[in-house]
Amino acid sequence: MDTKVEFFFYLAAVIVFVLAAMGNGFSVGKRGMVLVPLGLALWLFPTLWNVGEAAF
């Protein structure tokens, strides 16, 4: 994955985590059920993509 695209994934993940923290997203509720997993997915997707490229 291009480093510029990877940067934007990480930036989006940080923004989502900040929104989750500001909106009480780490508790059980609507926003917590959406924002935290979304942030984790955005954070891990570049790693998953790079491992997939290396494996295949």
C-alpha atoms as a PDB file:
ATOM      1  CA  MET A   1       0.000   0.000   0.000  1.00  0.00           C
ATOM      2  CA  ASP A   2       1.263   3.456  -0.813  1.00  0.00           C
ATOM      3  CA  THR A   3       2.519   5.332   2.224  1.00  0.00           C
ATOM      4  CA  LYS A   4       0.269   8.322   1.506  1.00  0.00           C
ATOM      5  CA  VAL A   5      -2.836   6.132   1.510  1.00  0.00           C
ATOM      6  CA  GLU A   6      -1.608   4.397   4.658  1.00  0.00           C
ATOM      7  CA  PHE A   7      -1.172   7.785   6.342  1.00  0.00           C
ATOM      8  CA  PHE A   8      -4.774   8.739   5.600  1.00  0.00           C
ATOM      9  CA  PHE A   9      -6.052   5.454   7.048  1.00  0.00           C
ATOM     10  CA  TYR A  10      -4.118   6.101  10.270  1.00  0.00           C
ATOM     11  CA  LEU A  11      -5.287   9.721  10.349  1.00  0.00           C
ATOM     12  CA  ALA A  12      -8.910   8.653   9.910  1.00  0.00           C
ATOM     13  CA  ALA A  13      -8.500   6.089  12.703  1.00  0.00           C
ATOM     14  CA  VAL A  14      -7.137   8.731  15.081  1.00  0.00           C
ATOM     15  CA  ILE A  15     -10.009  11.080  14.226  1.00  0.00           C
ATOM     16  CA  VAL A  16     -12.561   8.304  14.854  1.00  0.00           C
ATOM     17  CA  PHE A  17     -10.917   7.461  18.204  1.00  0.00           C
ATOM     18  CA  VAL A  18     -11.013  11.129  19.230  1.00  0.00           C
ATOM     19  CA  LEU A  19     -14.687  11.342  18.287  1.00  0.00           C
ATOM     20  CA  ALA A  20     -15.405   8.182  20.261  1.00  0.00           C
ATOM     21  CA  ALA A  21     -13.591   9.558  23.301  1.00  0.00           C
ATOM     22  CA  MET A  22     -15.346  12.915  23.115  1.00  0.00           C
ATOM     23  CA  GLY A  23     -18.765  11.361  22.648  1.00  0.00           C
ATOM     24  CA  ASN A  24     -18.461   8.868  25.491  1.00  0.00           C
ATOM     25  CA  GLY A  25     -17.905   6.223  22.817  1.00  0.00           C
ATOM     26  CA  PHE A  26     -16.038   3.776  25.021  1.00  0.00           C
ATOM     27  CA  SER A  27     -19.129   2.935  27.046  1.00  0.00           C
ATOM     28  CA  VAL A  28     -21.791   0.503  25.953  1.00  0.00           C
ATOM     29  CA  GLY A  29     -24.192   2.395  23.734  1.00  0.00           C
ATOM     30  CA  LYS A  30     -24.915   3.349  20.146  1.00  0.00           C
ATOM     31  CA  ARG A  31     -21.778   5.374  19.438  1.00  0.00           C
ATOM     32  CA  GLY A  32     -19.481   3.039  21.346  1.00  0.00           C
ATOM     33  CA  MET A  33     -20.681   0.092  19.343  1.00  0.00           C
ATOM     34  CA  VAL A  34     -19.856   1.812  16.059  1.00  0.00           C
ATOM     35  CA  LEU A  35     -16.919   4.179  16.498  1.00  0.00           C
ATOM     36  CA  VAL A  36     -14.480   1.985  18.408  1.00  0.00           C
ATOM     37  CA  PRO A  37     -14.669  -1.005  16.016  1.00  0.00           C
ATOM     38  CA  LEU A  38     -14.515   1.380  13.058  1.00  0.00           C
ATOM     39  CA  GLY A  39     -11.379   2.994  14.474  1.00  0.00           C
ATOM     40  CA  LEU A  40      -9.789  -0.393  15.041  1.00  0.00           C
ATOM     41  CA  ALA A  41     -10.644  -1.491  11.508  1.00  0.00           C
ATOM     42  CA  LEU A  42      -9.156   1.675  10.037  1.00  0.00           C
ATOM     43  CA  TRP A  43      -6.045   1.252  12.179  1.00  0.00           C
ATOM     44  CA  LEU A  44      -5.471  -2.398  11.196  1.00  0.00           C
ATOM     45  CA  PHE A  45      -6.455  -2.293   7.510  1.00  0.00           C
ATOM     46  CA  PRO A  46      -3.073  -1.018   6.187  1.00  0.00           C
ATOM     47  CA  THR A  47      -1.250  -3.754   8.099  1.00  0.00           C
ATOM     48  CA  LEU A  48      -3.657  -6.377   6.799  1.00  0.00           C
ATOM     49  CA  TRP A  49      -3.221  -5.092   3.242  1.00  0.00           C
ATOM     50  CA  ASN A  50       0.600  -5.103   3.442  1.00  0.00           C
ATOM     51  CA  VAL A  51       0.660  -8.625   4.898  1.00  0.00           C
ATOM     52  CA  GLY A  52      -1.698  -9.775   2.154  1.00  0.00           C
ATOM     53  CA  GLU A  53       0.565  -8.291  -0.516  1.00  0.00           C
ATOM     54  CA  ALA A  54       3.611  -9.980   1.020  1.00  0.00           C
ATOM     55  CA  ALA A  55       1.836 -13.338   1.326  1.00  0.00           C
ATOM     56  CA  PHE A  56       0.453 -13.488  -2.180  1.00  0.00           C
END
